Amino acid sequence: MQHLQQLDSELEVMLSAEGDVDPELLQQLLQQREQILRALMAQSELLEKTAWQAAVERTSCLLEQICLRRDRSASQLQRLQHGQRSMQVYNKFR
């Protein structure tokens, strides 16, 4: 469970940082997290309820941060594409 907390902290720092996120590193960390969660679920009788609830809450927070970052990236892409189309139209009539 401690390894999961450490991984969650690393993910939170990565997602809350300004700038771009390395998608390959993010994918790798999320896959590691999934493997840890699967291993923990296999040994569910050994888990404390409060620790598991905290892990579920961290999962929700991480998911929210990922969605926010995705939406922000989609918005930036949309603005970039609009700007490129505007430049194409401008250059066509120059």
PDB file of N, CA and C in Angstrom:
ATOM      1  N   MET A   1       0.829  -1.190   0.000  1.00  0.00           N
ATOM      2  CA  MET A   1       0.000   0.000   0.000  1.00  0.00           C
ATOM      3  C   MET A   1       0.877   1.259   0.000  1.00  0.00           C
ATOM      4  N   GLN A   2       2.017   1.158   0.632  1.00  0.00           N
ATOM      5  CA  GLN A   2       2.907   2.307   0.681  1.00  0.00           C
ATOM      6  C   GLN A   2       3.462   2.628  -0.710  1.00  0.00           C
ATOM      7  N   HIS A   3       3.726   1.585  -1.498  1.00  0.00           N
ATOM      8  CA  HIS A   3       4.210   1.794  -2.866  1.00  0.00           C
ATOM      9  C   HIS A   3       3.139   2.505  -3.699  1.00  0.00           C
ATOM     10  N   LEU A   4       1.883   2.166  -3.470  1.00  0.00           N
ATOM     11  CA  LEU A   4       0.775   2.826  -4.167  1.00  0.00           C
ATOM     12  C   LEU A   4       0.714   4.302  -3.793  1.00  0.00           C
ATOM     13  N   GLN A   5       0.875   4.613  -2.519  1.00  0.00           N
ATOM     14  CA  GLN A   5       0.863   6.011  -2.079  1.00  0.00           C
ATOM     15  C   GLN A   5       2.000   6.800  -2.708  1.00  0.00           C
ATOM     16  N   GLN A   6       3.164   6.181  -2.790  1.00  0.00           N
ATOM     17  CA  GLN A   6       4.324   6.837  -3.388  1.00  0.00           C
ATOM     18  C   GLN A   6       4.071   7.098  -4.876  1.00  0.00           C
ATOM     19  N   LEU A   7       3.523   6.122  -5.553  1.00  0.00           N
ATOM     20  CA  LEU A   7       3.212   6.261  -6.968  1.00  0.00           C
ATOM     21  C   LEU A   7       2.145   7.332  -7.192  1.00  0.00           C
ATOM     22  N   ASP A   8       1.138   7.367  -6.322  1.00  0.00           N
ATOM     23  CA  ASP A   8       0.094   8.388  -6.418  1.00  0.00           C
ATOM     24  C   ASP A   8       0.675   9.784  -6.234  1.00  0.00           C
ATOM     25  N   SER A   9       1.598   9.929  -5.305  1.00  0.00           N
ATOM     26  CA  SER A   9       2.238  11.224  -5.089  1.00  0.00           C
ATOM     27  C   SER A   9       3.011  11.658  -6.327  1.00  0.00           C
ATOM     28  N   GLU A  10       3.710  10.719  -6.926  1.00  0.00           N
ATOM     29  CA  GLU A  10       4.465  11.008  -8.138  1.00  0.00           C
ATOM     30  C   GLU A  10       3.530  11.440  -9.275  1.00  0.00           C
ATOM     31  N   LEU A  11       2.405  10.754  -9.405  1.00  0.00           N
ATOM     32  CA  LEU A  11       1.424  11.109 -10.428  1.00  0.00           C
ATOM     33  C   LEU A  11       0.821  12.485 -10.174  1.00  0.00           C
ATOM     34  N   GLU A  12       0.520  12.788  -8.913  1.00  0.00           N
ATOM     35  CA  GLU A  12      -0.053  14.095  -8.581  1.00  0.00           C
ATOM     36  C   GLU A  12       0.901  15.222  -8.928  1.00  0.00           C
ATOM     37  N   VAL A  13       2.177  15.035  -8.606  1.00  0.00           N
ATOM     38  CA  VAL A  13       3.181  16.058  -8.925  1.00  0.00           C
ATOM     39  C   VAL A  13       3.260  16.243 -10.436  1.00  0.00           C
ATOM     40  N   MET A  14       3.273  15.144 -11.165  1.00  0.00           N
ATOM     41  CA  MET A  14       3.376  15.212 -12.621  1.00  0.00           C
ATOM     42  C   MET A  14       2.176  15.935 -13.226  1.00  0.00           C
ATOM     43  N   LEU A  15       0.984  15.618 -12.736  1.00  0.00           N
ATOM     44  CA  LEU A  15      -0.232  16.186 -13.320  1.00  0.00           C
ATOM     45  C   LEU A  15      -0.475  17.635 -12.894  1.00  0.00           C
ATOM     46  N   SER A  16       0.039  18.023 -11.753  1.00  0.00           N
ATOM     47  CA  SER A  16      -0.195  19.397 -11.297  1.00  0.00           C
ATOM     48  C   SER A  16       0.872  20.359 -11.784  1.00  0.00           C
ATOM     49  N   ALA A  17       1.944  19.846 -12.368  1.00  0.00           N
ATOM     50  CA  ALA A  17       3.013  20.702 -12.867  1.00  0.00           C
ATOM     51  C   ALA A  17       2.551  21.443 -14.121  1.00  0.00           C
ATOM     52  N   GLU A  18       3.080  22.630 -14.292  1.00  0.00           N
ATOM     53  CA  GLU A  18       2.788  23.399 -15.502  1.00  0.00           C
ATOM     54  C   GLU A  18       3.564  22.789 -16.656  1.00  0.00           C
ATOM     55  N   GLY A  19       3.090  23.015 -17.841  1.00  0.00           N
ATOM     56  CA  GLY A  19       3.789  22.501 -19.009  1.00  0.00           C
ATOM     57  C   GLY A  19       3.282  21.143 -19.432  1.00  0.00           C
ATOM     58  N   ASP A  20       4.005  20.576 -20.360  1.00  0.00           N
ATOM     59  CA  ASP A  20       3.600  19.302 -20.944  1.00  0.00           C
ATOM     60  C   ASP A  20       3.966  18.136 -20.041  1.00  0.00           C
ATOM     61  N   VAL A  21       3.168  17.103 -20.148  1.00  0.00           N
ATOM     62  CA  VAL A  21       3.404  15.857 -19.431  1.00  0.00           C
ATOM     63  C   VAL A  21       3.919  14.847 -20.446  1.00  0.00           C
ATOM     64  N   ASP A  22       4.927  14.101 -20.060  1.00  0.00           N
ATOM     65  CA  ASP A  22       5.449  13.046 -20.927  1.00  0.00           C
ATOM     66  C   ASP A  22       4.413  11.922 -20.971  1.00  0.00           C
ATOM     67  N   PRO A  23       3.744  11.736 -22.111  1.00  0.00           N
ATOM     68  CA  PRO A  23       2.666  10.747 -22.169  1.00  0.00           C
ATOM     69  C   PRO A  23       3.152   9.315 -21.931  1.00  0.00           C
ATOM     70  N   GLU A  24       4.360   9.002 -22.362  1.00  0.00           N
ATOM     71  CA  GLU A  24       4.876   7.649 -22.167  1.00  0.00           C
ATOM     72  C   GLU A  24       5.130   7.375 -20.689  1.00  0.00           C
ATOM     73  N   LEU A  25       5.690   8.358 -19.989  1.00  0.00           N
ATOM     74  CA  LEU A  25       5.936   8.201 -18.560  1.00  0.00           C
ATOM     75  C   LEU A  25       4.616   8.107 -17.798  1.00  0.00           C
ATOM     76  N   LEU A  26       3.650   8.941 -18.184  1.00  0.00           N
ATOM     77  CA  LEU A  26       2.332   8.894 -17.549  1.00  0.00           C
ATOM     78  C   LEU A  26       1.692   7.525 -17.747  1.00  0.00           C
ATOM     79  N   GLN A  27       1.766   7.007 -18.962  1.00  0.00           N
ATOM     80  CA  GLN A  27       1.192   5.695 -19.245  1.00  0.00           C
ATOM     81  C   GLN A  27       1.885   4.613 -18.422  1.00  0.00           C
ATOM     82  N   GLN A  28       3.202   4.702 -18.328  1.00  0.00           N
ATOM     83  CA  GLN A  28       3.961   3.716 -17.561  1.00  0.00           C
ATOM     84  C   GLN A  28       3.560   3.746 -16.083  1.00  0.00           C
ATOM     85  N   LEU A  29       3.447   4.944 -15.513  1.00  0.00           N
ATOM     86  CA  LEU A  29       3.076   5.066 -14.109  1.00  0.00           C
ATOM     87  C   LEU A  29       1.653   4.569 -13.862  1.00  0.00           C
ATOM     88  N   LEU A  30       0.747   4.868 -14.785  1.00  0.00           N
ATOM     89  CA  LEU A  30      -0.631   4.410 -14.629  1.00  0.00           C
ATOM     90  C   LEU A  30      -0.725   2.885 -14.754  1.00  0.00           C
ATOM     91  N   GLN A  31       0.085   2.301 -15.606  1.00  0.00           N
ATOM     92  CA  GLN A  31       0.100   0.842 -15.715  1.00  0.00           C
ATOM     93  C   GLN A  31       0.648   0.205 -14.441  1.00  0.00           C
ATOM     94  N   GLN A  32       1.692   0.813 -13.879  1.00  0.00           N
ATOM     95  CA  GLN A  32       2.231   0.313 -12.613  1.00  0.00           C
ATOM     96  C   GLN A  32       1.176   0.400 -11.521  1.00  0.00           C
ATOM     97  N   ARG A  33       0.451   1.500 -11.518  1.00  0.00           N
ATOM     98  CA  ARG A  33      -0.602   1.692 -10.515  1.00  0.00           C
ATOM     99  C   ARG A  33      -1.679   0.626 -10.663  1.00  0.00           C
ATOM    100  N   GLU A  34      -2.066   0.351 -11.891  1.00  0.00           N
ATOM    101  CA  GLU A  34      -3.081  -0.674 -12.131  1.00  0.00           C
ATOM    102  C   GLU A  34      -2.608  -2.043 -11.635  1.00  0.00           C
ATOM    103  N   GLN A  35      -1.358  -2.369 -11.889  1.00  0.00           N
ATOM    104  CA  GLN A  35      -0.815  -3.650 -11.436  1.00  0.00           C
ATOM    105  C   GLN A  35      -0.819  -3.743  -9.913  1.00  0.00           C
ATOM    106  N   ILE A  36      -0.456  -2.658  -9.255  1.00  0.00           N
ATOM    107  CA  ILE A  36      -0.452  -2.640  -7.785  1.00  0.00           C
ATOM    108  C   ILE A  36      -1.869  -2.819  -7.259  1.00  0.00           C
ATOM    109  N   LEU A  37      -2.815  -2.125  -7.855  1.00  0.00           N
ATOM    110  CA  LEU A  37      -4.211  -2.236  -7.415  1.00  0.00           C
ATOM    111  C   LEU A  37      -4.738  -3.662  -7.615  1.00  0.00           C
ATOM    112  N   ARG A  38      -4.398  -4.274  -8.728  1.00  0.00           N
ATOM    113  CA  ARG A  38      -4.831  -5.662  -8.978  1.00  0.00           C
ATOM    114  C   ARG A  38      -4.245  -6.606  -7.925  1.00  0.00           C
ATOM    115  N   ALA A  39      -2.972  -6.396  -7.591  1.00  0.00           N
ATOM    116  CA  ALA A  39      -2.330  -7.238  -6.576  1.00  0.00           C
ATOM    117  C   ALA A  39      -2.985  -7.027  -5.216  1.00  0.00           C
ATOM    118  N   LEU A  40      -3.330  -5.774  -4.902  1.00  0.00           N
ATOM    119  CA  LEU A  40      -3.982  -5.482  -3.628  1.00  0.00           C
ATOM    120  C   LEU A  40      -5.384  -6.087  -3.568  1.00  0.00           C
ATOM    121  N   MET A  41      -6.102  -6.029  -4.676  1.00  0.00           N
ATOM    122  CA  MET A  41      -7.449  -6.602  -4.700  1.00  0.00           C
ATOM    123  C   MET A  41      -7.398  -8.116  -4.544  1.00  0.00           C
ATOM    124  N   ALA A  42      -6.333  -8.730  -5.037  1.00  0.00           N
ATOM    125  CA  ALA A  42      -6.191 -10.175  -4.896  1.00  0.00           C
ATOM    126  C   ALA A  42      -5.992 -10.569  -3.436  1.00  0.00           C
ATOM    127  N   GLN A  43      -5.482  -9.646  -2.638  1.00  0.00           N
ATOM    128  CA  GLN A  43      -5.256  -9.891  -1.213  1.00  0.00           C
ATOM    129  C   GLN A  43      -6.164  -8.987  -0.379  1.00  0.00           C
ATOM    130  N   SER A  44      -7.400  -8.864  -0.794  1.00  0.00           N
ATOM    131  CA  SER A  44      -8.318  -7.915  -0.165  1.00  0.00           C
ATOM    132  C   SER A  44      -8.547  -8.176   1.317  1.00  0.00           C
ATOM    133  N   GLU A  45      -8.382  -9.406   1.763  1.00  0.00           N
ATOM    134  CA  GLU A  45      -8.601  -9.709   3.184  1.00  0.00           C
ATOM    135  C   GLU A  45      -7.534  -9.079   4.074  1.00  0.00           C
ATOM    136  N   LEU A  46      -6.392  -8.711   3.489  1.00  0.00           N
ATOM    137  CA  LEU A  46      -5.308  -8.110   4.267  1.00  0.00           C
ATOM    138  C   LEU A  46      -5.384  -6.582   4.308  1.00  0.00           C
ATOM    139  N   LEU A  47      -6.287  -6.009   3.530  1.00  0.00           N
ATOM    140  CA  LEU A  47      -6.372  -4.549   3.433  1.00  0.00           C
ATOM    141  C   LEU A  47      -7.197  -3.957   4.568  1.00  0.00           C
ATOM    142  N   GLU A  48      -6.736  -2.824   5.041  1.00  0.00           N
ATOM    143  CA  GLU A  48      -7.517  -2.065   6.013  1.00  0.00           C
ATOM    144  C   GLU A  48      -8.535  -1.233   5.247  1.00  0.00           C
ATOM    145  N   LYS A  49      -9.702  -1.116   5.800  1.00  0.00           N
ATOM    146  CA  LYS A  49     -10.770  -0.396   5.112  1.00  0.00           C
ATOM    147  C   LYS A  49     -10.415   1.077   4.909  1.00  0.00           C
ATOM    148  N   THR A  50      -9.810   1.704   5.899  1.00  0.00           N
ATOM    149  CA  THR A  50      -9.472   3.127   5.774  1.00  0.00           C
ATOM    150  C   THR A  50      -8.392   3.346   4.721  1.00  0.00           C
ATOM    151  N   ALA A  51      -7.418   2.453   4.649  1.00  0.00           N
ATOM    152  CA  ALA A  51      -6.354   2.582   3.646  1.00  0.00           C
ATOM    153  C   ALA A  51      -6.927   2.391   2.240  1.00  0.00           C
ATOM    154  N   TRP A  52      -7.835   1.433   2.110  1.00  0.00           N
ATOM    155  CA  TRP A  52      -8.451   1.198   0.807  1.00  0.00           C
ATOM    156  C   TRP A  52      -9.321   2.379   0.402  1.00  0.00           C
ATOM    157  N   GLN A  53     -10.056   2.953   1.350  1.00  0.00           N
ATOM    158  CA  GLN A  53     -10.892   4.112   1.055  1.00  0.00           C
ATOM    159  C   GLN A  53     -10.025   5.294   0.619  1.00  0.00           C
ATOM    160  N   ALA A  54      -8.880   5.466   1.271  1.00  0.00           N
ATOM    161  CA  ALA A  54      -7.959   6.543   0.882  1.00  0.00           C
ATOM    162  C   ALA A  54      -7.447   6.324  -0.538  1.00  0.00           C
ATOM    163  N   ALA A  55      -7.172   5.078  -0.898  1.00  0.00           N
ATOM    164  CA  ALA A  55      -6.715   4.762  -2.255  1.00  0.00           C
ATOM    165  C   ALA A  55      -7.808   5.065  -3.276  1.00  0.00           C
ATOM    166  N   VAL A  56      -9.048   4.781  -2.933  1.00  0.00           N
ATOM    167  CA  VAL A  56     -10.173   5.070  -3.824  1.00  0.00           C
ATOM    168  C   VAL A  56     -10.315   6.589  -4.010  1.00  0.00           C
ATOM    169  N   GLU A  57     -10.166   7.345  -2.935  1.00  0.00           N
ATOM    170  CA  GLU A  57     -10.247   8.805  -3.030  1.00  0.00           C
ATOM    171  C   GLU A  57      -9.112   9.367  -3.881  1.00  0.00           C
ATOM    172  N   ARG A  58      -7.910   8.823  -3.712  1.00  0.00           N
ATOM    173  CA  ARG A  58      -6.780   9.278  -4.536  1.00  0.00           C
ATOM    174  C   ARG A  58      -7.026   8.945  -6.006  1.00  0.00           C
ATOM    175  N   THR A  59      -7.646   7.795  -6.257  1.00  0.00           N
ATOM    176  CA  THR A  59      -7.975   7.419  -7.626  1.00  0.00           C
ATOM    177  C   THR A  59      -8.923   8.446  -8.241  1.00  0.00           C
ATOM    178  N   SER A  60      -9.919   8.857  -7.491  1.00  0.00           N
ATOM    179  CA  SER A  60     -10.868   9.857  -7.987  1.00  0.00           C
ATOM    180  C   SER A  60     -10.175  11.187  -8.277  1.00  0.00           C
ATOM    181  N   CYS A  61      -9.289  11.592  -7.380  1.00  0.00           N
ATOM    182  CA  CYS A  61      -8.558  12.848  -7.575  1.00  0.00           C
ATOM    183  C   CYS A  61      -7.646  12.779  -8.799  1.00  0.00           C
ATOM    184  N   LEU A  62      -6.964  11.657  -8.964  1.00  0.00           N
ATOM    185  CA  LEU A  62      -6.087  11.491 -10.121  1.00  0.00           C
ATOM    186  C   LEU A  62      -6.883  11.498 -11.419  1.00  0.00           C
ATOM    187  N   LEU A  63      -8.009  10.823 -11.416  1.00  0.00           N
ATOM    188  CA  LEU A  63      -8.858  10.794 -12.601  1.00  0.00           C
ATOM    189  C   LEU A  63      -9.337  12.199 -12.952  1.00  0.00           C
ATOM    190  N   GLU A  64      -9.707  12.967 -11.946  1.00  0.00           N
ATOM    191  CA  GLU A  64     -10.151  14.343 -12.173  1.00  0.00           C
ATOM    192  C   GLU A  64      -9.016  15.187 -12.760  1.00  0.00           C
ATOM    193  N   GLN A  65      -7.805  15.030 -12.222  1.00  0.00           N
ATOM    194  CA  GLN A  65      -6.664  15.788 -12.735  1.00  0.00           C
ATOM    195  C   GLN A  65      -6.355  15.396 -14.184  1.00  0.00           C
ATOM    196  N   ILE A  66      -6.446  14.116 -14.496  1.00  0.00           N
ATOM    197  CA  ILE A  66      -6.193  13.659 -15.861  1.00  0.00           C
ATOM    198  C   ILE A  66      -7.233  14.242 -16.812  1.00  0.00           C
ATOM    199  N   CYS A  67      -8.485  14.254 -16.399  1.00  0.00           N
ATOM    200  CA  CYS A  67      -9.549  14.814 -17.240  1.00  0.00           C
ATOM    201  C   CYS A  67      -9.357  16.310 -17.461  1.00  0.00           C
ATOM    202  N   LEU A  68      -8.976  17.035 -16.415  1.00  0.00           N
ATOM    203  CA  LEU A  68      -8.729  18.469 -16.552  1.00  0.00           C
ATOM    204  C   LEU A  68      -7.580  18.736 -17.520  1.00  0.00           C
ATOM    205  N   ARG A  69      -6.515  17.973 -17.377  1.00  0.00           N
ATOM    206  CA  ARG A  69      -5.358  18.150 -18.264  1.00  0.00           C
ATOM    207  C   ARG A  69      -5.736  17.803 -19.701  1.00  0.00           C
ATOM    208  N   ARG A  70      -6.519  16.750 -19.885  1.00  0.00           N
ATOM    209  CA  ARG A  70      -6.961  16.362 -21.229  1.00  0.00           C
ATOM    210  C   ARG A  70      -7.807  17.462 -21.861  1.00  0.00           C
ATOM    211  N   ASP A  71      -8.723  18.020 -21.070  1.00  0.00           N
ATOM    212  CA  ASP A  71      -9.579  19.087 -21.589  1.00  0.00           C
ATOM    213  C   ASP A  71      -8.768  20.326 -21.941  1.00  0.00           C
ATOM    214  N   ARG A  72      -7.780  20.644 -21.112  1.00  0.00           N
ATOM    215  CA  ARG A  72      -6.921  21.802 -21.374  1.00  0.00           C
ATOM    216  C   ARG A  72      -6.108  21.579 -22.655  1.00  0.00           C
ATOM    217  N   SER A  73      -5.605  20.381 -22.830  1.00  0.00           N
ATOM    218  CA  SER A  73      -4.827  20.056 -24.031  1.00  0.00           C
ATOM    219  C   SER A  73      -5.712  20.101 -25.275  1.00  0.00           C
ATOM    220  N   ALA A  74      -6.933  19.607 -25.161  1.00  0.00           N
ATOM    221  CA  ALA A  74      -7.859  19.637 -26.291  1.00  0.00           C
ATOM    222  C   ALA A  74      -8.187  21.073 -26.678  1.00  0.00           C
ATOM    223  N   SER A  75      -8.346  21.934 -25.700  1.00  0.00           N
ATOM    224  CA  SER A  75      -8.627  23.341 -25.962  1.00  0.00           C
ATOM    225  C   SER A  75      -7.444  24.011 -26.657  1.00  0.00           C
ATOM    226  N   GLN A  76      -6.235  23.709 -26.192  1.00  0.00           N
ATOM    227  CA  GLN A  76      -5.046  24.280 -26.830  1.00  0.00           C
ATOM    228  C   GLN A  76      -4.912  23.795 -28.270  1.00  0.00           C
ATOM    229  N   LEU A  77      -5.191  22.530 -28.504  1.00  0.00           N
ATOM    230  CA  LEU A  77      -5.125  21.984 -29.853  1.00  0.00           C
ATOM    231  C   LEU A  77      -6.151  22.658 -30.755  1.00  0.00           C
ATOM    232  N   GLN A  78      -7.335  22.878 -30.231  1.00  0.00           N
ATOM    233  CA  GLN A  78      -8.394  23.514 -31.013  1.00  0.00           C
ATOM    234  C   GLN A  78      -7.995  24.937 -31.401  1.00  0.00           C
ATOM    235  N   ARG A  79      -7.403  25.689 -30.456  1.00  0.00           N
ATOM    236  CA  ARG A  79      -6.946  27.046 -30.762  1.00  0.00           C
ATOM    237  C   ARG A  79      -5.826  27.030 -31.798  1.00  0.00           C
ATOM    238  N   LEU A  80      -4.917  26.076 -31.672  1.00  0.00           N
ATOM    239  CA  LEU A  80      -3.817  25.949 -32.623  1.00  0.00           C
ATOM    240  C   LEU A  80      -4.338  25.648 -34.019  1.00  0.00           C
ATOM    241  N   GLN A  81      -5.262  24.710 -34.131  1.00  0.00           N
ATOM    242  CA  GLN A  81      -5.819  24.367 -35.436  1.00  0.00           C
ATOM    243  C   GLN A  81      -6.580  25.536 -36.048  1.00  0.00           C
ATOM    244  N   HIS A  82      -7.299  26.279 -35.226  1.00  0.00           N
ATOM    245  CA  HIS A  82      -8.026  27.451 -35.718  1.00  0.00           C
ATOM    246  C   HIS A  82      -7.042  28.495 -36.247  1.00  0.00           C
ATOM    247  N   GLY A  83      -5.960  28.703 -35.500  1.00  0.00           N
ATOM    248  CA  GLY A  83      -4.941  29.654 -35.938  1.00  0.00           C
ATOM    249  C   GLY A  83      -4.295  29.226 -37.242  1.00  0.00           C
ATOM    250  N   GLN A  84      -4.045  27.936 -37.394  1.00  0.00           N
ATOM    251  CA  GLN A  84      -3.451  27.444 -38.631  1.00  0.00           C
ATOM    252  C   GLN A  84      -4.390  27.633 -39.814  1.00  0.00           C
ATOM    253  N   ARG A  85      -5.679  27.379 -39.600  1.00  0.00           N
ATOM    254  CA  ARG A  85      -6.650  27.583 -40.680  1.00  0.00           C
ATOM    255  C   ARG A  85      -6.738  29.060 -41.042  1.00  0.00           C
ATOM    256  N   SER A  86      -6.691  29.927 -40.043  1.00  0.00           N
ATOM    257  CA  SER A  86      -6.731  31.368 -40.308  1.00  0.00           C
ATOM    258  C   SER A  86      -5.527  31.800 -41.133  1.00  0.00           C
ATOM    259  N   MET A  87      -4.354  31.252 -40.813  1.00  0.00           N
ATOM    260  CA  MET A  87      -3.151  31.596 -41.566  1.00  0.00           C
ATOM    261  C   MET A  87      -3.243  31.072 -42.996  1.00  0.00           C
ATOM    262  N   GLN A  88      -3.828  29.912 -43.194  1.00  0.00           N
ATOM    263  CA  GLN A  88      -3.982  29.373 -44.541  1.00  0.00           C
ATOM    264  C   GLN A  88      -4.888  30.263 -45.384  1.00  0.00           C
ATOM    265  N   VAL A  89      -5.994  30.736 -44.803  1.00  0.00           N
ATOM    266  CA  VAL A  89      -6.911  31.615 -45.504  1.00  0.00           C
ATOM    267  C   VAL A  89      -6.238  32.940 -45.802  1.00  0.00           C
ATOM    268  N   TYR A  90      -5.493  33.453 -44.833  1.00  0.00           N
ATOM    269  CA  TYR A  90      -4.785  34.724 -45.018  1.00  0.00           C
ATOM    270  C   TYR A  90      -3.764  34.595 -46.151  1.00  0.00           C
ATOM    271  N   ASN A  91      -2.988  33.503 -46.129  1.00  0.00           N
ATOM    272  CA  ASN A  91      -1.970  33.325 -47.168  1.00  0.00           C
ATOM    273  C   ASN A  91      -2.574  33.086 -48.540  1.00  0.00           C
ATOM    274  N   LYS A  92      -3.768  32.528 -48.583  1.00  0.00           N
ATOM    275  CA  LYS A  92      -4.422  32.277 -49.872  1.00  0.00           C
ATOM    276  C   LYS A  92      -4.753  33.595 -50.570  1.00  0.00           C
ATOM    277  N   PHE A  93      -5.115  34.625 -49.798  1.00  0.00           N
ATOM    278  CA  PHE A  93      -5.552  35.896 -50.384  1.00  0.00           C
ATOM    279  C   PHE A  93      -4.445  36.948 -50.368  1.00  0.00           C
ATOM    280  N   ARG A  94      -3.262  36.585 -50.039  1.00  0.00           N
ATOM    281  CA  ARG A  94      -2.149  37.549 -50.029  1.00  0.00           C
ATOM    282  C   ARG A  94      -1.631  37.816 -51.379  1.00  0.00           C
TER     283      ARG A  94
END
